[in-house]
Amino acid sequence: MTRPLRILLIDDSNMDRHLAEEVFAEYADRCTVTTASSGQAALEAMLDPDAELPDVVLLDINMPGMSGFEVLTAMKGHPRLVRIPVVMLTTSNHDQDVRQAYTLHASSYLIKSVNFQDFVAQVEGFLEFWTRARLTSWPEMTSS
């Protein structure tokens, strides 16, 4: 049996983090979720040489301090973090934001659903895709 998918959720909204934790908890056999309330805190945690890196990052765009785009740029510019897939999770569906996310090498872009059942469906699809991708597409990432 493979280990659960390690997910890092970076979002400044307490409500959004809590909702995501509750939904992902239903899939505890398939994933573990760690959260960060700011991009700076997330980067510091991931750059700790003893930290276990996530398999995938869910990243909000609109955050105070460092925006999601700034966090994504920092991750893709750092050798320890560059290979971690980043999924932008945001309320913004503006074409400019979508283009910028992909230009900065986001792996995917999900619009936050305000409907609980739609969000659950998004989580199920997300877990299915990223679990398969991890198992078939990339070697185990180490902390170095």
C-alpha atoms as a PDB file:
ATOM      1  CA  MET A   1       0.000   0.000   0.000  1.00  0.00           C
ATOM      2  CA  THR A   2       1.267   3.471  -0.813  1.00  0.00           C
ATOM      3  CA  ARG A   3       1.425   6.244   1.697  1.00  0.00           C
ATOM      4  CA  PRO A   4      -1.256   8.940   1.685  1.00  0.00           C
ATOM      5  CA  LEU A   5      -0.808  11.943  -0.582  1.00  0.00           C
ATOM      6  CA  ARG A   6       0.757  14.838   1.365  1.00  0.00           C
ATOM      7  CA  ILE A   7      -1.076  18.091   0.651  1.00  0.00           C
ATOM      8  CA  LEU A   8      -0.112  21.578   1.797  1.00  0.00           C
ATOM      9  CA  LEU A   9      -2.994  24.075   1.719  1.00  0.00           C
ATOM     10  CA  ILE A  10      -1.896  27.718   1.773  1.00  0.00           C
ATOM     11  CA  ASP A  11      -4.823  30.083   2.341  1.00  0.00           C
ATOM     12  CA  ASP A  12      -5.232  33.153   4.533  1.00  0.00           C
ATOM     13  CA  SER A  13      -8.956  32.487   5.105  1.00  0.00           C
ATOM     14  CA  ASN A  14      -9.617  30.628   8.356  1.00  0.00           C
ATOM     15  CA  MET A  15     -13.018  29.609   7.035  1.00  0.00           C
ATOM     16  CA  ASP A  16     -11.640  28.205   3.769  1.00  0.00           C
ATOM     17  CA  ARG A  17      -8.864  26.311   5.566  1.00  0.00           C
ATOM     18  CA  HIS A  18     -11.331  24.855   8.064  1.00  0.00           C
ATOM     19  CA  LEU A  19     -13.750  23.791   5.310  1.00  0.00           C
ATOM     20  CA  ALA A  20     -10.961  22.161   3.315  1.00  0.00           C
ATOM     21  CA  GLU A  21      -9.636  20.348   6.390  1.00  0.00           C
ATOM     22  CA  GLU A  22     -13.126  18.997   7.133  1.00  0.00           C
ATOM     23  CA  VAL A  23     -13.645  17.768   3.582  1.00  0.00           C
ATOM     24  CA  PHE A  24     -10.168  16.251   3.258  1.00  0.00           C
ATOM     25  CA  ALA A  25     -10.605  14.544   6.658  1.00  0.00           C
ATOM     26  CA  GLU A  26     -13.203  12.329   4.985  1.00  0.00           C
ATOM     27  CA  TYR A  27     -10.355  10.994   2.838  1.00  0.00           C
ATOM     28  CA  ALA A  28      -7.798  10.489   5.628  1.00  0.00           C
ATOM     29  CA  ASP A  29      -6.842   7.097   4.203  1.00  0.00           C
ATOM     30  CA  ARG A  30      -5.827   8.793   0.942  1.00  0.00           C
ATOM     31  CA  CYS A  31      -4.283  12.075   2.068  1.00  0.00           C
ATOM     32  CA  THR A  32      -2.853  14.136   4.887  1.00  0.00           C
ATOM     33  CA  VAL A  33      -3.353  17.887   4.874  1.00  0.00           C
ATOM     34  CA  THR A  34      -1.131  20.492   6.447  1.00  0.00           C
ATOM     35  CA  THR A  35      -2.184  24.124   6.345  1.00  0.00           C
ATOM     36  CA  ALA A  36      -0.440  27.467   6.357  1.00  0.00           C
ATOM     37  CA  SER A  37      -2.160  30.820   6.767  1.00  0.00           C
ATOM     38  CA  SER A  38       0.391  32.762   4.724  1.00  0.00           C
ATOM     39  CA  GLY A  39       2.771  32.255   1.862  1.00  0.00           C
ATOM     40  CA  GLN A  40       5.731  33.332   3.974  1.00  0.00           C
ATOM     41  CA  ALA A  41       4.933  30.757   6.679  1.00  0.00           C
ATOM     42  CA  ALA A  42       4.531  28.024   4.071  1.00  0.00           C
ATOM     43  CA  LEU A  43       7.834  28.823   2.365  1.00  0.00           C
ATOM     44  CA  GLU A  44       9.684  28.905   5.679  1.00  0.00           C
ATOM     45  CA  ALA A  45       8.225  25.521   6.624  1.00  0.00           C
ATOM     46  CA  MET A  46       9.073  23.917   3.272  1.00  0.00           C
ATOM     47  CA  LEU A  47      12.608  25.320   3.299  1.00  0.00           C
ATOM     48  CA  ASP A  48      13.346  23.774   6.685  1.00  0.00           C
ATOM     49  CA  PRO A  49      15.893  21.064   5.768  1.00  0.00           C
ATOM     50  CA  ASP A  50      14.193  18.617   8.140  1.00  0.00           C
ATOM     51  CA  ALA A  51      10.710  19.236   6.743  1.00  0.00           C
ATOM     52  CA  GLU A  52       8.817  16.563   4.880  1.00  0.00           C
ATOM     53  CA  LEU A  53       7.865  18.123   1.557  1.00  0.00           C
ATOM     54  CA  PRO A  54       4.288  17.981   0.298  1.00  0.00           C
ATOM     55  CA  ASP A  55       3.401  15.990  -2.807  1.00  0.00           C
ATOM     56  CA  VAL A  56       1.203  18.846  -3.998  1.00  0.00           C
ATOM     57  CA  VAL A  57       0.399  22.385  -2.859  1.00  0.00           C
ATOM     58  CA  LEU A  58      -3.046  24.002  -2.980  1.00  0.00           C
ATOM     59  CA  LEU A  59      -2.399  27.737  -3.131  1.00  0.00           C
ATOM     60  CA  ASP A  60      -4.782  30.674  -2.806  1.00  0.00           C
ATOM     61  CA  ILE A  61      -3.982  33.649  -5.031  1.00  0.00           C
ATOM     62  CA  ASN A  62      -5.325  36.595  -3.042  1.00  0.00           C
ATOM     63  CA  MET A  63      -3.484  36.756   0.271  1.00  0.00           C
ATOM     64  CA  PRO A  64      -2.031  39.666   2.240  1.00  0.00           C
ATOM     65  CA  GLY A  65       1.733  39.904   2.344  1.00  0.00           C
ATOM     66  CA  MET A  66       2.888  37.472  -0.321  1.00  0.00           C
ATOM     67  CA  SER A  67       0.298  36.780  -2.989  1.00  0.00           C
ATOM     68  CA  GLY A  68      -0.152  33.271  -4.306  1.00  0.00           C
ATOM     69  CA  PHE A  69       1.647  34.329  -7.479  1.00  0.00           C
ATOM     70  CA  GLU A  70       4.645  35.473  -5.424  1.00  0.00           C
ATOM     71  CA  VAL A  71       4.670  32.180  -3.513  1.00  0.00           C
ATOM     72  CA  LEU A  72       4.460  30.228  -6.781  1.00  0.00           C
ATOM     73  CA  THR A  73       7.347  32.251  -8.249  1.00  0.00           C
ATOM     74  CA  ALA A  74       9.462  31.624  -5.139  1.00  0.00           C
ATOM     75  CA  MET A  75       8.721  27.891  -5.230  1.00  0.00           C
ATOM     76  CA  LYS A  76       9.546  27.511  -8.911  1.00  0.00           C
ATOM     77  CA  GLY A  77      12.773  29.459  -8.375  1.00  0.00           C
ATOM     78  CA  HIS A  78      14.052  27.268  -5.554  1.00  0.00           C
ATOM     79  CA  PRO A  79      15.773  23.925  -6.292  1.00  0.00           C
ATOM     80  CA  ARG A  80      14.207  22.217  -3.264  1.00  0.00           C
ATOM     81  CA  LEU A  81      10.656  23.251  -4.218  1.00  0.00           C
ATOM     82  CA  VAL A  82      10.665  23.525  -8.007  1.00  0.00           C
ATOM     83  CA  ARG A  83       9.305  20.004  -8.653  1.00  0.00           C
ATOM     84  CA  ILE A  84       6.352  20.252  -6.267  1.00  0.00           C
ATOM     85  CA  PRO A  85       3.112  20.577  -8.264  1.00  0.00           C
ATOM     86  CA  VAL A  86       1.132  23.690  -7.351  1.00  0.00           C
ATOM     87  CA  VAL A  87      -2.621  23.924  -7.853  1.00  0.00           C
ATOM     88  CA  MET A  88      -4.044  27.417  -7.624  1.00  0.00           C
ATOM     89  CA  LEU A  89      -7.246  27.283  -5.550  1.00  0.00           C
ATOM     90  CA  THR A  90      -9.050  30.591  -5.763  1.00  0.00           C
ATOM     91  CA  THR A  91     -12.317  32.433  -6.238  1.00  0.00           C
ATOM     92  CA  SER A  92     -10.881  34.288  -9.231  1.00  0.00           C
ATOM     93  CA  ASN A  93     -11.845  33.100 -12.685  1.00  0.00           C
ATOM     94  CA  HIS A  94     -10.395  36.128 -14.461  1.00  0.00           C
ATOM     95  CA  ASP A  95      -8.576  35.129 -17.650  1.00  0.00           C
ATOM     96  CA  GLN A  96      -5.586  37.250 -16.630  1.00  0.00           C
ATOM     97  CA  ASP A  97      -5.196  35.311 -13.346  1.00  0.00           C
ATOM     98  CA  VAL A  98      -5.514  31.953 -15.099  1.00  0.00           C
ATOM     99  CA  ARG A  99      -2.907  32.951 -17.714  1.00  0.00           C
ATOM    100  CA  GLN A 100      -0.535  34.289 -15.075  1.00  0.00           C
ATOM    101  CA  ALA A 101      -0.833  31.096 -13.015  1.00  0.00           C
ATOM    102  CA  TYR A 102       0.086  28.910 -15.968  1.00  0.00           C
ATOM    103  CA  THR A 103       2.817  31.319 -17.113  1.00  0.00           C
ATOM    104  CA  LEU A 104       4.365  30.928 -13.656  1.00  0.00           C
ATOM    105  CA  HIS A 105       4.147  27.122 -14.033  1.00  0.00           C
ATOM    106  CA  ALA A 106       1.142  26.266 -11.899  1.00  0.00           C
ATOM    107  CA  SER A 107       0.124  22.665 -12.512  1.00  0.00           C
ATOM    108  CA  SER A 108      -3.594  23.355 -12.372  1.00  0.00           C
ATOM    109  CA  TYR A 109      -6.168  26.002 -11.511  1.00  0.00           C
ATOM    110  CA  LEU A 110      -9.309  25.289  -9.474  1.00  0.00           C
ATOM    111  CA  ILE A 111     -12.099  27.761  -8.815  1.00  0.00           C
ATOM    112  CA  LYS A 112     -13.296  27.572  -5.196  1.00  0.00           C
ATOM    113  CA  SER A 113     -16.885  26.449  -5.163  1.00  0.00           C
ATOM    114  CA  VAL A 114     -19.365  28.114  -2.845  1.00  0.00           C
ATOM    115  CA  ASN A 115     -21.510  24.975  -2.985  1.00  0.00           C
ATOM    116  CA  PHE A 116     -20.399  22.344  -0.463  1.00  0.00           C
ATOM    117  CA  GLN A 117     -21.291  19.348  -2.655  1.00  0.00           C
ATOM    118  CA  ASP A 118     -19.436  20.872  -5.601  1.00  0.00           C
ATOM    119  CA  PHE A 119     -16.385  21.364  -3.382  1.00  0.00           C
ATOM    120  CA  VAL A 120     -16.556  17.724  -2.256  1.00  0.00           C
ATOM    121  CA  ALA A 121     -16.681  16.663  -5.920  1.00  0.00           C
ATOM    122  CA  GLN A 122     -13.656  18.877  -6.642  1.00  0.00           C
ATOM    123  CA  VAL A 123     -11.751  17.273  -3.768  1.00  0.00           C
ATOM    124  CA  GLU A 124     -12.587  13.773  -5.003  1.00  0.00           C
ATOM    125  CA  GLY A 125     -11.376  14.595  -8.509  1.00  0.00           C
ATOM    126  CA  PHE A 126      -8.286  16.337  -7.161  1.00  0.00           C
ATOM    127  CA  LEU A 127      -7.327  13.344  -5.004  1.00  0.00           C
ATOM    128  CA  GLU A 128      -7.914  10.851  -7.797  1.00  0.00           C
ATOM    129  CA  PHE A 129      -5.801  12.816 -10.278  1.00  0.00           C
ATOM    130  CA  TRP A 130      -2.888  13.687  -7.978  1.00  0.00           C
ATOM    131  CA  THR A 131      -2.700  10.245  -6.403  1.00  0.00           C
ATOM    132  CA  ARG A 132      -2.414   8.685  -9.855  1.00  0.00           C
ATOM    133  CA  ALA A 133       0.043  11.325 -11.006  1.00  0.00           C
ATOM    134  CA  ARG A 134       2.279  10.710  -8.000  1.00  0.00           C
ATOM    135  CA  LEU A 135       2.184   6.949  -8.501  1.00  0.00           C
ATOM    136  CA  THR A 136       2.859   7.003 -12.228  1.00  0.00           C
ATOM    137  CA  SER A 137       4.691  10.192 -13.100  1.00  0.00           C
ATOM    138  CA  TRP A 138       7.355  11.161 -10.645  1.00  0.00           C
ATOM    139  CA  PRO A 139       9.842   9.558  -8.279  1.00  0.00           C
ATOM    140  CA  GLU A 140       9.558   9.928  -4.533  1.00  0.00           C
ATOM    141  CA  MET A 141      10.752  13.389  -3.556  1.00  0.00           C
ATOM    142  CA  THR A 142      13.282  13.580  -0.797  1.00  0.00           C
ATOM    143  CA  SER A 143      13.800  16.413   1.610  1.00  0.00           C
ATOM    144  CA  SER A 144      17.097  17.443   0.014  1.00  0.00           C
END
